[in-house]
Amino acid sequence: MTTIVDAWAQHPTARFIAHDMLASLRRWTGGAMPTEEQPIELTIAAMDAAGVDHALLSAWHGPEGALVSNDEVAAWVAARPDRFSGIASVDLRRPVAAVRELRRCVTELGFKGLRVLPWLWEAPPTDRRFYPLYAACVELGVPFCTQVGHTGPLRPSEVGSPIPYVDQVALDFPELVIVGGHIGYPWTEEMVAVCRKHENVHIDPRPTRRAATRPSSSATCAAAAAGARSCSARTTR
């Protein structure tokens, strides 16, 4: 039996929804956004409607602080471990503290990976602040999840280019499992080439535009709920 796992999901907090960078996404949806906190049951209902069995809920941390905190994600996962697994996010400005937080999330909270969005920090994946986190991911046996391609939110897109950034990280950390979300458009062919080149680079084929409208069954992932290491819907195999 196939298990459908949404490899890129977040249950938005009110501060996440209200952020000015999401003005473009609010325009795409064509409707008013809620201003109050939303119950986790709404995300579960959306998953049920889309036929999604399990979702990897991601925290969001940017220069402004935690838009969706690791502890908030941990609480949602604890409430419905049958439907969710946690993906950590950390403060890139403080690399040593970020490594400690990643270790806490994995060893104490049971999180399955780390997601840091280069565009949120306006820093490419080759920025030196990422490198202690890559080493920690390898040691902890969890993947590094990120976004490749252009940004829907109102932030620069260039840092999402797979070449040279993801390619260079994979060369520097060949043991690191890298999952690039949102396909890589408009550099899709570059992302496919990087994925073919590096054994541990994977593509989460969830399209950005669809992600802006509703939660979706974006990828069929092999054992994603257990380890979140790779997608069976890997587009290059």
C-alpha atoms as a PDB file:
ATOM      1  CA  MET A   1       0.000   0.000   0.000  1.00  0.00           C
ATOM      2  CA  THR A   2       1.343   3.411  -0.963  1.00  0.00           C
ATOM      3  CA  THR A   3       1.596   6.072   1.719  1.00  0.00           C
ATOM      4  CA  ILE A   4       1.210   9.629   0.459  1.00  0.00           C
ATOM      5  CA  VAL A   5       3.487  12.017   2.329  1.00  0.00           C
ATOM      6  CA  ASP A   6       3.559  15.766   1.906  1.00  0.00           C
ATOM      7  CA  ALA A   7       7.302  16.381   2.060  1.00  0.00           C
ATOM      8  CA  TRP A   8       6.934  20.156   2.449  1.00  0.00           C
ATOM      9  CA  ALA A   9       4.253  21.394   4.802  1.00  0.00           C
ATOM     10  CA  GLN A  10       3.779  23.963   7.475  1.00  0.00           C
ATOM     11  CA  HIS A  11       0.924  24.783   9.785  1.00  0.00           C
ATOM     12  CA  PRO A  12       1.020  28.583   9.737  1.00  0.00           C
ATOM     13  CA  THR A  13       1.027  30.717  12.845  1.00  0.00           C
ATOM     14  CA  ALA A  14      -0.639  34.128  12.842  1.00  0.00           C
ATOM     15  CA  ARG A  15       2.769  35.851  12.690  1.00  0.00           C
ATOM     16  CA  PHE A  16       3.711  33.680   9.700  1.00  0.00           C
ATOM     17  CA  ILE A  17       0.513  34.507   7.822  1.00  0.00           C
ATOM     18  CA  ALA A  18       0.862  38.237   8.503  1.00  0.00           C
ATOM     19  CA  HIS A  19       4.455  38.538   7.249  1.00  0.00           C
ATOM     20  CA  ASP A  20       4.875  41.097   4.472  1.00  0.00           C
ATOM     21  CA  MET A  21       6.925  38.705   2.323  1.00  0.00           C
ATOM     22  CA  LEU A  22       3.769  36.636   1.750  1.00  0.00           C
ATOM     23  CA  ALA A  23       1.866  39.455   0.069  1.00  0.00           C
ATOM     24  CA  SER A  24       2.356  37.737  -3.294  1.00  0.00           C
ATOM     25  CA  LEU A  25       0.904  34.479  -1.980  1.00  0.00           C
ATOM     26  CA  ARG A  26      -2.065  36.320  -0.512  1.00  0.00           C
ATOM     27  CA  ARG A  27      -2.648  37.855  -3.942  1.00  0.00           C
ATOM     28  CA  TRP A  28      -2.577  34.426  -5.578  1.00  0.00           C
ATOM     29  CA  THR A  29      -5.178  32.983  -3.224  1.00  0.00           C
ATOM     30  CA  GLY A  30      -7.580  35.845  -3.928  1.00  0.00           C
ATOM     31  CA  GLY A  31      -9.064  35.754  -0.470  1.00  0.00           C
ATOM     32  CA  ALA A  32      -8.700  37.237   2.971  1.00  0.00           C
ATOM     33  CA  MET A  33      -6.172  35.627   5.282  1.00  0.00           C
ATOM     34  CA  PRO A  34      -7.060  34.826   8.918  1.00  0.00           C
ATOM     35  CA  THR A  35      -5.547  37.029  11.582  1.00  0.00           C
ATOM     36  CA  GLU A  36      -5.989  34.650  14.511  1.00  0.00           C
ATOM     37  CA  GLU A  37      -4.213  31.395  15.306  1.00  0.00           C
ATOM     38  CA  GLN A  38      -5.522  28.434  13.350  1.00  0.00           C
ATOM     39  CA  PRO A  39      -6.193  25.014  14.935  1.00  0.00           C
ATOM     40  CA  ILE A  40      -4.115  22.105  13.709  1.00  0.00           C
ATOM     41  CA  GLU A  41      -7.362  20.351  12.769  1.00  0.00           C
ATOM     42  CA  LEU A  42      -7.636  22.657   9.747  1.00  0.00           C
ATOM     43  CA  THR A  43      -4.393  21.327   8.319  1.00  0.00           C
ATOM     44  CA  ILE A  44      -5.486  17.754   9.039  1.00  0.00           C
ATOM     45  CA  ALA A  45      -8.773  18.426   7.227  1.00  0.00           C
ATOM     46  CA  ALA A  46      -6.874  19.803   4.215  1.00  0.00           C
ATOM     47  CA  MET A  47      -4.675  16.706   4.204  1.00  0.00           C
ATOM     48  CA  ASP A  48      -7.734  14.461   4.318  1.00  0.00           C
ATOM     49  CA  ALA A  49      -9.309  16.328   1.407  1.00  0.00           C
ATOM     50  CA  ALA A  50      -6.128  15.933  -0.659  1.00  0.00           C
ATOM     51  CA  GLY A  51      -5.574  12.278   0.254  1.00  0.00           C
ATOM     52  CA  VAL A  52      -2.369  12.969   2.192  1.00  0.00           C
ATOM     53  CA  ASP A  53      -1.594  10.390   4.864  1.00  0.00           C
ATOM     54  CA  HIS A  54       1.341  12.073   6.578  1.00  0.00           C
ATOM     55  CA  ALA A  55       3.035  15.469   6.458  1.00  0.00           C
ATOM     56  CA  LEU A  56       6.499  16.658   7.354  1.00  0.00           C
ATOM     57  CA  LEU A  57       5.704  19.823   9.302  1.00  0.00           C
ATOM     58  CA  SER A  58       8.465  22.395   9.076  1.00  0.00           C
ATOM     59  CA  ALA A  59       9.447  25.129  11.476  1.00  0.00           C
ATOM     60  CA  TRP A  60      10.411  28.484   9.952  1.00  0.00           C
ATOM     61  CA  HIS A  61      13.216  30.612  11.345  1.00  0.00           C
ATOM     62  CA  GLY A  62      14.429  33.784   9.657  1.00  0.00           C
ATOM     63  CA  PRO A  63      16.294  36.958  10.522  1.00  0.00           C
ATOM     64  CA  GLU A  64      13.165  38.246  12.273  1.00  0.00           C
ATOM     65  CA  GLY A  65      13.050  35.202  14.544  1.00  0.00           C
ATOM     66  CA  ALA A  66      10.858  32.131  14.626  1.00  0.00           C
ATOM     67  CA  LEU A  67       7.827  32.493  12.382  1.00  0.00           C
ATOM     68  CA  VAL A  68       6.913  28.888  13.236  1.00  0.00           C
ATOM     69  CA  SER A  69       8.989  27.648  16.162  1.00  0.00           C
ATOM     70  CA  ASN A  70      10.429  24.189  16.677  1.00  0.00           C
ATOM     71  CA  ASP A  71       8.494  23.832  19.910  1.00  0.00           C
ATOM     72  CA  GLU A  72       5.221  24.734  18.179  1.00  0.00           C
ATOM     73  CA  VAL A  73       5.899  22.049  15.579  1.00  0.00           C
ATOM     74  CA  ALA A  74       6.802  19.587  18.340  1.00  0.00           C
ATOM     75  CA  ALA A  75       3.465  20.230  20.047  1.00  0.00           C
ATOM     76  CA  TRP A  76       1.513  19.568  16.840  1.00  0.00           C
ATOM     77  CA  VAL A  77       3.487  16.401  16.171  1.00  0.00           C
ATOM     78  CA  ALA A  78       2.928  15.218  19.751  1.00  0.00           C
ATOM     79  CA  ALA A  79      -0.798  15.815  19.360  1.00  0.00           C
ATOM     80  CA  ARG A  80      -1.011  13.802  16.115  1.00  0.00           C
ATOM     81  CA  PRO A  81       2.106  11.657  15.608  1.00  0.00           C
ATOM     82  CA  ASP A  82       0.115   9.489  13.230  1.00  0.00           C
ATOM     83  CA  ARG A  83      -0.231  12.418  10.825  1.00  0.00           C
ATOM     84  CA  PHE A  84       2.896  14.510  11.334  1.00  0.00           C
ATOM     85  CA  SER A  85       6.672  14.380  11.682  1.00  0.00           C
ATOM     86  CA  GLY A  86       8.771  17.411  12.513  1.00  0.00           C
ATOM     87  CA  ILE A  87      11.394  19.244  10.466  1.00  0.00           C
ATOM     88  CA  ALA A  88      13.598  21.683  12.380  1.00  0.00           C
ATOM     89  CA  SER A  89      14.653  25.199  11.507  1.00  0.00           C
ATOM     90  CA  VAL A  90      17.374  27.237  13.219  1.00  0.00           C
ATOM     91  CA  ASP A  91      18.884  30.701  13.554  1.00  0.00           C
ATOM     92  CA  LEU A  92      21.568  30.910  10.880  1.00  0.00           C
ATOM     93  CA  ARG A  93      23.170  33.959  12.511  1.00  0.00           C
ATOM     94  CA  ARG A  94      24.327  31.861  15.467  1.00  0.00           C
ATOM     95  CA  PRO A  95      25.893  28.701  13.978  1.00  0.00           C
ATOM     96  CA  VAL A  96      27.026  27.098  17.255  1.00  0.00           C
ATOM     97  CA  ALA A  97      23.655  27.650  18.925  1.00  0.00           C
ATOM     98  CA  ALA A  98      21.998  26.487  15.707  1.00  0.00           C
ATOM     99  CA  VAL A  99      23.856  23.173  15.852  1.00  0.00           C
ATOM    100  CA  ARG A 100      22.821  22.728  19.489  1.00  0.00           C
ATOM    101  CA  GLU A 101      19.204  23.426  18.575  1.00  0.00           C
ATOM    102  CA  LEU A 102      19.322  20.955  15.701  1.00  0.00           C
ATOM    103  CA  ARG A 103      20.697  18.290  18.031  1.00  0.00           C
ATOM    104  CA  ARG A 104      17.917  19.010  20.537  1.00  0.00           C
ATOM    105  CA  CYS A 105      15.267  18.763  17.855  1.00  0.00           C
ATOM    106  CA  VAL A 106      16.559  15.434  16.554  1.00  0.00           C
ATOM    107  CA  THR A 107      17.600  13.707  19.786  1.00  0.00           C
ATOM    108  CA  GLU A 108      14.943  15.063  22.168  1.00  0.00           C
ATOM    109  CA  LEU A 109      11.992  16.005  19.974  1.00  0.00           C
ATOM    110  CA  GLY A 110      12.388  13.248  17.376  1.00  0.00           C
ATOM    111  CA  PHE A 111      12.538  15.562  14.369  1.00  0.00           C
ATOM    112  CA  LYS A 112      13.431  13.979  11.030  1.00  0.00           C
ATOM    113  CA  GLY A 113      15.479  16.672   9.313  1.00  0.00           C
ATOM    114  CA  LEU A 114      16.530  20.304   9.031  1.00  0.00           C
ATOM    115  CA  ARG A 115      15.116  22.906   6.669  1.00  0.00           C
ATOM    116  CA  VAL A 116      16.787  26.266   6.119  1.00  0.00           C
ATOM    117  CA  LEU A 117      15.565  28.508   3.302  1.00  0.00           C
ATOM    118  CA  PRO A 118      18.422  30.436   1.682  1.00  0.00           C
ATOM    119  CA  TRP A 119      16.073  33.068   0.260  1.00  0.00           C
ATOM    120  CA  LEU A 120      14.665  33.795   3.717  1.00  0.00           C
ATOM    121  CA  TRP A 121      18.179  34.681   4.853  1.00  0.00           C
ATOM    122  CA  GLU A 122      19.240  36.124   1.477  1.00  0.00           C
ATOM    123  CA  ALA A 123      22.310  33.900   1.744  1.00  0.00           C
ATOM    124  CA  PRO A 124      23.265  31.062  -0.641  1.00  0.00           C
ATOM    125  CA  PRO A 125      23.687  27.476   0.631  1.00  0.00           C
ATOM    126  CA  THR A 126      27.456  27.911   0.273  1.00  0.00           C
ATOM    127  CA  ASP A 127      27.469  30.635   2.946  1.00  0.00           C
ATOM    128  CA  ARG A 128      29.936  29.592   5.645  1.00  0.00           C
ATOM    129  CA  ARG A 129      27.239  29.748   8.335  1.00  0.00           C
ATOM    130  CA  PHE A 130      25.539  26.698   6.808  1.00  0.00           C
ATOM    131  CA  TYR A 131      28.573  24.443   6.990  1.00  0.00           C
ATOM    132  CA  PRO A 132      28.490  23.473  10.702  1.00  0.00           C
ATOM    133  CA  LEU A 133      24.852  22.498  10.174  1.00  0.00           C
ATOM    134  CA  TYR A 134      25.729  20.283   7.210  1.00  0.00           C
ATOM    135  CA  ALA A 135      28.292  18.437   9.320  1.00  0.00           C
ATOM    136  CA  ALA A 136      25.751  18.039  12.137  1.00  0.00           C
ATOM    137  CA  CYS A 137      23.130  16.658   9.732  1.00  0.00           C
ATOM    138  CA  VAL A 138      25.590  14.013   8.555  1.00  0.00           C
ATOM    139  CA  GLU A 139      26.501  13.071  12.128  1.00  0.00           C
ATOM    140  CA  LEU A 140      22.834  12.907  13.177  1.00  0.00           C
ATOM    141  CA  GLY A 141      21.785  10.981  10.063  1.00  0.00           C
ATOM    142  CA  VAL A 142      19.121  13.473   8.964  1.00  0.00           C
ATOM    143  CA  PRO A 143      18.643  15.259   5.635  1.00  0.00           C
ATOM    144  CA  PHE A 144      19.152  18.922   4.885  1.00  0.00           C
ATOM    145  CA  CYS A 145      15.976  20.205   3.230  1.00  0.00           C
ATOM    146  CA  THR A 146      15.926  23.480   1.356  1.00  0.00           C
ATOM    147  CA  GLN A 147      14.253  25.331  -1.492  1.00  0.00           C
ATOM    148  CA  VAL A 148      15.673  25.423  -4.980  1.00  0.00           C
ATOM    149  CA  GLY A 149      14.364  27.678  -7.712  1.00  0.00           C
ATOM    150  CA  HIS A 150      12.667  31.037  -7.589  1.00  0.00           C
ATOM    151  CA  THR A 151      10.753  32.356  -4.604  1.00  0.00           C
ATOM    152  CA  GLY A 152       7.019  32.917  -4.497  1.00  0.00           C
ATOM    153  CA  PRO A 153       7.393  35.177  -1.442  1.00  0.00           C
ATOM    154  CA  LEU A 154       8.824  38.638  -1.950  1.00  0.00           C
ATOM    155  CA  ARG A 155      12.495  37.863  -1.498  1.00  0.00           C
ATOM    156  CA  PRO A 156      15.381  37.533  -4.016  1.00  0.00           C
ATOM    157  CA  SER A 157      15.468  34.273  -5.977  1.00  0.00           C
ATOM    158  CA  GLU A 158      19.115  34.014  -7.056  1.00  0.00           C
ATOM    159  CA  VAL A 159      20.205  32.030  -3.977  1.00  0.00           C
ATOM    160  CA  GLY A 160      17.898  29.218  -5.129  1.00  0.00           C
ATOM    161  CA  SER A 161      20.001  28.412  -8.190  1.00  0.00           C
ATOM    162  CA  PRO A 162      21.141  24.740  -8.015  1.00  0.00           C
ATOM    163  CA  ILE A 163      24.366  25.536  -9.888  1.00  0.00           C
ATOM    164  CA  PRO A 164      26.698  26.550  -8.376  1.00  0.00           C
ATOM    165  CA  TYR A 165      25.216  26.375  -4.879  1.00  0.00           C
ATOM    166  CA  VAL A 166      23.682  22.922  -4.338  1.00  0.00           C
ATOM    167  CA  ASP A 167      26.315  21.401  -6.584  1.00  0.00           C
ATOM    168  CA  GLN A 168      29.136  22.870  -4.479  1.00  0.00           C
ATOM    169  CA  VAL A 169      27.570  21.793  -1.163  1.00  0.00           C
ATOM    170  CA  ALA A 170      27.191  18.238  -2.478  1.00  0.00           C
ATOM    171  CA  LEU A 171      30.853  18.242  -3.495  1.00  0.00           C
ATOM    172  CA  ASP A 172      31.937  19.497  -0.064  1.00  0.00           C
ATOM    173  CA  PHE A 173      29.625  17.119   1.835  1.00  0.00           C
ATOM    174  CA  PRO A 174      29.133  13.970  -0.272  1.00  0.00           C
ATOM    175  CA  GLU A 175      27.532  12.136   2.679  1.00  0.00           C
ATOM    176  CA  LEU A 176      24.937  14.860   3.234  1.00  0.00           C
ATOM    177  CA  VAL A 177      21.435  13.979   2.069  1.00  0.00           C
ATOM    178  CA  ILE A 178      20.039  17.084   0.367  1.00  0.00           C
ATOM    179  CA  VAL A 179      16.367  17.424  -0.541  1.00  0.00           C
ATOM    180  CA  GLY A 180      15.624  20.368  -2.833  1.00  0.00           C
ATOM    181  CA  GLY A 181      12.005  21.414  -2.658  1.00  0.00           C
ATOM    182  CA  HIS A 182       9.878  23.107  -5.326  1.00  0.00           C
ATOM    183  CA  ILE A 183      11.584  21.457  -8.316  1.00  0.00           C
ATOM    184  CA  GLY A 184      14.063  24.246  -9.092  1.00  0.00           C
ATOM    185  CA  TYR A 185      12.031  26.256 -11.625  1.00  0.00           C
ATOM    186  CA  PRO A 186      13.205  28.068 -13.719  1.00  0.00           C
ATOM    187  CA  TRP A 187      16.449  26.110 -13.248  1.00  0.00           C
ATOM    188  CA  THR A 188      14.724  22.721 -13.348  1.00  0.00           C
ATOM    189  CA  GLU A 189      17.181  21.196 -15.804  1.00  0.00           C
ATOM    190  CA  GLU A 190      20.072  22.344 -13.616  1.00  0.00           C
ATOM    191  CA  MET A 191      18.475  20.717 -10.578  1.00  0.00           C
ATOM    192  CA  VAL A 192      17.925  17.465 -12.483  1.00  0.00           C
ATOM    193  CA  ALA A 193      21.566  17.550 -13.592  1.00  0.00           C
ATOM    194  CA  VAL A 194      22.780  18.084 -10.022  1.00  0.00           C
ATOM    195  CA  CYS A 195      20.544  15.245  -8.838  1.00  0.00           C
ATOM    196  CA  ARG A 196      21.967  12.901 -11.482  1.00  0.00           C
ATOM    197  CA  LYS A 197      25.502  13.901 -10.582  1.00  0.00           C
ATOM    198  CA  HIS A 198      25.255  13.426  -6.812  1.00  0.00           C
ATOM    199  CA  GLU A 199      23.893  10.234  -5.272  1.00  0.00           C
ATOM    200  CA  ASN A 200      22.580  11.953  -2.137  1.00  0.00           C
ATOM    201  CA  VAL A 201      20.822  14.884  -3.814  1.00  0.00           C
ATOM    202  CA  HIS A 202      17.069  14.493  -4.227  1.00  0.00           C
ATOM    203  CA  ILE A 203      14.176  16.526  -5.606  1.00  0.00           C
ATOM    204  CA  ASP A 204      10.889  17.131  -3.826  1.00  0.00           C
ATOM    205  CA  PRO A 205       8.649  17.648  -6.864  1.00  0.00           C
ATOM    206  CA  ARG A 206       6.099  19.875  -5.151  1.00  0.00           C
ATOM    207  CA  PRO A 207       5.392  22.825  -7.487  1.00  0.00           C
ATOM    208  CA  THR A 208       5.581  26.268  -5.959  1.00  0.00           C
ATOM    209  CA  ARG A 209       2.378  27.638  -7.461  1.00  0.00           C
ATOM    210  CA  ARG A 210       0.289  24.734  -6.213  1.00  0.00           C
ATOM    211  CA  ALA A 211       1.863  25.027  -2.795  1.00  0.00           C
ATOM    212  CA  ALA A 212       0.667  28.610  -2.623  1.00  0.00           C
ATOM    213  CA  THR A 213      -2.967  27.628  -2.986  1.00  0.00           C
ATOM    214  CA  ARG A 214      -3.447  24.667  -0.674  1.00  0.00           C
ATOM    215  CA  PRO A 215      -1.699  21.722   0.987  1.00  0.00           C
ATOM    216  CA  SER A 216      -1.175  18.956  -1.538  1.00  0.00           C
ATOM    217  CA  SER A 217       0.005  15.386  -1.918  1.00  0.00           C
ATOM    218  CA  SER A 218       3.210  16.666  -3.428  1.00  0.00           C
ATOM    219  CA  ALA A 219       5.392  13.570  -3.313  1.00  0.00           C
ATOM    220  CA  THR A 220       5.138   9.886  -2.664  1.00  0.00           C
ATOM    221  CA  CYS A 221       8.042   9.358  -0.280  1.00  0.00           C
ATOM    222  CA  ALA A 222       9.553   6.035   0.674  1.00  0.00           C
ATOM    223  CA  ALA A 223       9.734   5.770   4.439  1.00  0.00           C
ATOM    224  CA  ALA A 224       9.581   9.558   4.743  1.00  0.00           C
ATOM    225  CA  ALA A 225       7.634   9.405   7.991  1.00  0.00           C
ATOM    226  CA  ALA A 226      10.263   7.154   9.487  1.00  0.00           C
ATOM    227  CA  GLY A 227      13.407   8.793   8.217  1.00  0.00           C
ATOM    228  CA  ALA A 228      12.562  11.513   5.688  1.00  0.00           C
ATOM    229  CA  ARG A 229      15.797  10.709   3.839  1.00  0.00           C
ATOM    230  CA  SER A 230      14.596  10.684   0.249  1.00  0.00           C
ATOM    231  CA  CYS A 231      11.642  10.739  -2.111  1.00  0.00           C
ATOM    232  CA  SER A 232      10.665   7.651  -4.058  1.00  0.00           C
ATOM    233  CA  ALA A 233       9.244  10.073  -6.611  1.00  0.00           C
ATOM    234  CA  ARG A 234      12.800  11.175  -7.338  1.00  0.00           C
ATOM    235  CA  THR A 235      12.561  12.622 -10.802  1.00  0.00           C
ATOM    236  CA  THR A 236      15.928  11.430 -12.100  1.00  0.00           C
ATOM    237  CA  ARG A 237      15.632   7.699 -11.525  1.00  0.00           C
END
